[in-house]
Amino acid sequence: MKKIQSHILLYIFEMIILAVGFILILNIDFTFWTQFFILTCLLLFYVFLGLIRHTRDHDISYKVVIEYVSIALIIALLFVFINVSRI
């Protein structure tokens, strides 16, 4: 619980940025490539912020990096597979 309290502003900032990005992707009629670019920027932000947090806490490992990158890739691939007809 102490770690959550010490990172609460970081989590709030991350959730706001991700929510705004996903709202843009879902509600504005962008082309597929514009949506994919926005999603890629959001996912890079997610990975970067997660790795910074773990580096500050000195608990970063190879497994943590693989986890963040894997989650980002799964989300990107799901987006592509769902929108394959728009490519």
C-alpha atoms as a PDB file:
ATOM      1  CA  MET A   1       0.000   0.000   0.000  1.00  0.00           C
ATOM      2  CA  LYS A   2       2.904   2.343   0.712  1.00  0.00           C
ATOM      3  CA  LYS A   3       4.162   2.084  -2.890  1.00  0.00           C
ATOM      4  CA  ILE A   4       0.735   2.972  -4.263  1.00  0.00           C
ATOM      5  CA  GLN A   5       0.546   6.052  -2.058  1.00  0.00           C
ATOM      6  CA  SER A   6       4.034   7.166  -3.047  1.00  0.00           C
ATOM      7  CA  HIS A   7       3.159   6.894  -6.757  1.00  0.00           C
ATOM      8  CA  ILE A   8      -0.432   8.123  -6.710  1.00  0.00           C
ATOM      9  CA  LEU A   9       0.278  11.286  -8.747  1.00  0.00           C
ATOM     10  CA  LEU A  10       2.153   9.257 -11.343  1.00  0.00           C
ATOM     11  CA  TYR A  11      -0.754   6.811 -11.637  1.00  0.00           C
ATOM     12  CA  ILE A  12      -3.308   9.626 -11.925  1.00  0.00           C
ATOM     13  CA  PHE A  13      -1.214  11.349 -14.608  1.00  0.00           C
ATOM     14  CA  GLU A  14      -0.838   8.084 -16.525  1.00  0.00           C
ATOM     15  CA  MET A  15      -4.568   7.303 -16.358  1.00  0.00           C
ATOM     16  CA  ILE A  16      -5.531  10.795 -17.543  1.00  0.00           C
ATOM     17  CA  ILE A  17      -3.163  10.662 -20.533  1.00  0.00           C
ATOM     18  CA  LEU A  18      -4.251   7.136 -21.499  1.00  0.00           C
ATOM     19  CA  ALA A  19      -7.951   7.968 -21.091  1.00  0.00           C
ATOM     20  CA  VAL A  20      -7.685  11.091 -23.254  1.00  0.00           C
ATOM     21  CA  GLY A  21      -5.815   9.140 -25.934  1.00  0.00           C
ATOM     22  CA  PHE A  22      -8.315   6.286 -26.004  1.00  0.00           C
ATOM     23  CA  ILE A  23     -11.225   8.751 -26.088  1.00  0.00           C
ATOM     24  CA  LEU A  24      -9.610  10.442 -29.101  1.00  0.00           C
ATOM     25  CA  ILE A  25      -9.166   7.113 -30.866  1.00  0.00           C
ATOM     26  CA  LEU A  26     -12.724   5.950 -30.165  1.00  0.00           C
ATOM     27  CA  ASN A  27     -14.737   9.140 -30.651  1.00  0.00           C
ATOM     28  CA  ILE A  28     -13.056  11.080 -33.442  1.00  0.00           C
ATOM     29  CA  ASP A  29     -13.219   9.784 -36.994  1.00  0.00           C
ATOM     30  CA  PHE A  30      -9.507   9.619 -37.790  1.00  0.00           C
ATOM     31  CA  THR A  31      -8.005   7.458 -40.507  1.00  0.00           C
ATOM     32  CA  PHE A  32      -6.656   4.075 -39.451  1.00  0.00           C
ATOM     33  CA  TRP A  33      -3.043   5.248 -39.635  1.00  0.00           C
ATOM     34  CA  THR A  34      -3.721   8.339 -37.525  1.00  0.00           C
ATOM     35  CA  GLN A  35      -5.410   6.190 -34.905  1.00  0.00           C
ATOM     36  CA  PHE A  36      -2.534   3.705 -35.023  1.00  0.00           C
ATOM     37  CA  PHE A  37      -0.030   6.549 -34.589  1.00  0.00           C
ATOM     38  CA  ILE A  38      -1.928   7.877 -31.551  1.00  0.00           C
ATOM     39  CA  LEU A  39      -2.130   4.369 -30.100  1.00  0.00           C
ATOM     40  CA  THR A  40       1.585   3.800 -30.694  1.00  0.00           C
ATOM     41  CA  CYS A  41       2.425   7.062 -28.908  1.00  0.00           C
ATOM     42  CA  LEU A  42       0.171   6.082 -25.993  1.00  0.00           C
ATOM     43  CA  LEU A  43       1.755   2.645 -25.722  1.00  0.00           C
ATOM     44  CA  LEU A  44       5.284   4.063 -25.874  1.00  0.00           C
ATOM     45  CA  PHE A  45       4.293   6.487 -23.131  1.00  0.00           C
ATOM     46  CA  TYR A  46       2.918   3.579 -21.076  1.00  0.00           C
ATOM     47  CA  VAL A  47       6.121   1.554 -21.453  1.00  0.00           C
ATOM     48  CA  PHE A  48       8.382   4.558 -20.822  1.00  0.00           C
ATOM     49  CA  LEU A  49       6.503   5.661 -17.697  1.00  0.00           C
ATOM     50  CA  GLY A  50       6.405   2.132 -16.301  1.00  0.00           C
ATOM     51  CA  LEU A  51      10.111   1.627 -16.819  1.00  0.00           C
ATOM     52  CA  ILE A  52      10.897   4.985 -15.221  1.00  0.00           C
ATOM     53  CA  ARG A  53       8.834   4.076 -12.162  1.00  0.00           C
ATOM     54  CA  HIS A  54      10.528   0.714 -11.768  1.00  0.00           C
ATOM     55  CA  THR A  55      13.958   2.276 -12.281  1.00  0.00           C
ATOM     56  CA  ARG A  56      13.253   4.837  -9.539  1.00  0.00           C
ATOM     57  CA  ASP A  57      12.181   2.057  -7.170  1.00  0.00           C
ATOM     58  CA  HIS A  58      15.268  -0.005  -8.083  1.00  0.00           C
ATOM     59  CA  ASP A  59      13.146  -3.059  -8.876  1.00  0.00           C
ATOM     60  CA  ILE A  60      13.530  -3.116 -12.650  1.00  0.00           C
ATOM     61  CA  SER A  61      14.436  -6.423 -14.215  1.00  0.00           C
ATOM     62  CA  TYR A  62      14.416  -8.104 -17.566  1.00  0.00           C
ATOM     63  CA  LYS A  63      11.020  -9.624 -16.746  1.00  0.00           C
ATOM     64  CA  VAL A  64       9.495  -6.190 -16.036  1.00  0.00           C
ATOM     65  CA  VAL A  65      10.698  -4.836 -19.392  1.00  0.00           C
ATOM     66  CA  ILE A  66       9.341  -7.895 -21.228  1.00  0.00           C
ATOM     67  CA  GLU A  67       6.000  -7.531 -19.427  1.00  0.00           C
ATOM     68  CA  TYR A  68       5.518  -3.866 -20.371  1.00  0.00           C
ATOM     69  CA  VAL A  69       6.571  -4.420 -23.984  1.00  0.00           C
ATOM     70  CA  SER A  70       4.387  -7.550 -24.272  1.00  0.00           C
ATOM     71  CA  ILE A  71       1.289  -5.751 -23.006  1.00  0.00           C
ATOM     72  CA  ALA A  72       1.896  -2.880 -25.429  1.00  0.00           C
ATOM     73  CA  LEU A  73       2.354  -5.287 -28.350  1.00  0.00           C
ATOM     74  CA  ILE A  74      -0.794  -7.235 -27.469  1.00  0.00           C
ATOM     75  CA  ILE A  75      -2.848  -4.028 -27.404  1.00  0.00           C
ATOM     76  CA  ALA A  76      -1.364  -2.861 -30.730  1.00  0.00           C
ATOM     77  CA  LEU A  77      -1.996  -6.246 -32.374  1.00  0.00           C
ATOM     78  CA  LEU A  78      -5.580  -6.344 -31.080  1.00  0.00           C
ATOM     79  CA  PHE A  79      -6.155  -2.905 -32.564  1.00  0.00           C
ATOM     80  CA  VAL A  80      -4.768  -4.019 -35.931  1.00  0.00           C
ATOM     81  CA  PHE A  81      -6.755  -7.281 -35.970  1.00  0.00           C
ATOM     82  CA  ILE A  82      -9.986  -5.517 -35.041  1.00  0.00           C
ATOM     83  CA  ASN A  83      -9.461  -2.911 -37.760  1.00  0.00           C
ATOM     84  CA  VAL A  84      -7.943  -5.119 -40.458  1.00  0.00           C
ATOM     85  CA  SER A  85     -10.732  -4.190 -42.886  1.00  0.00           C
ATOM     86  CA  ARG A  86      -9.723  -0.505 -42.672  1.00  0.00           C
ATOM     87  CA  ILE A  87      -6.075  -1.009 -43.686  1.00  0.00           C
END
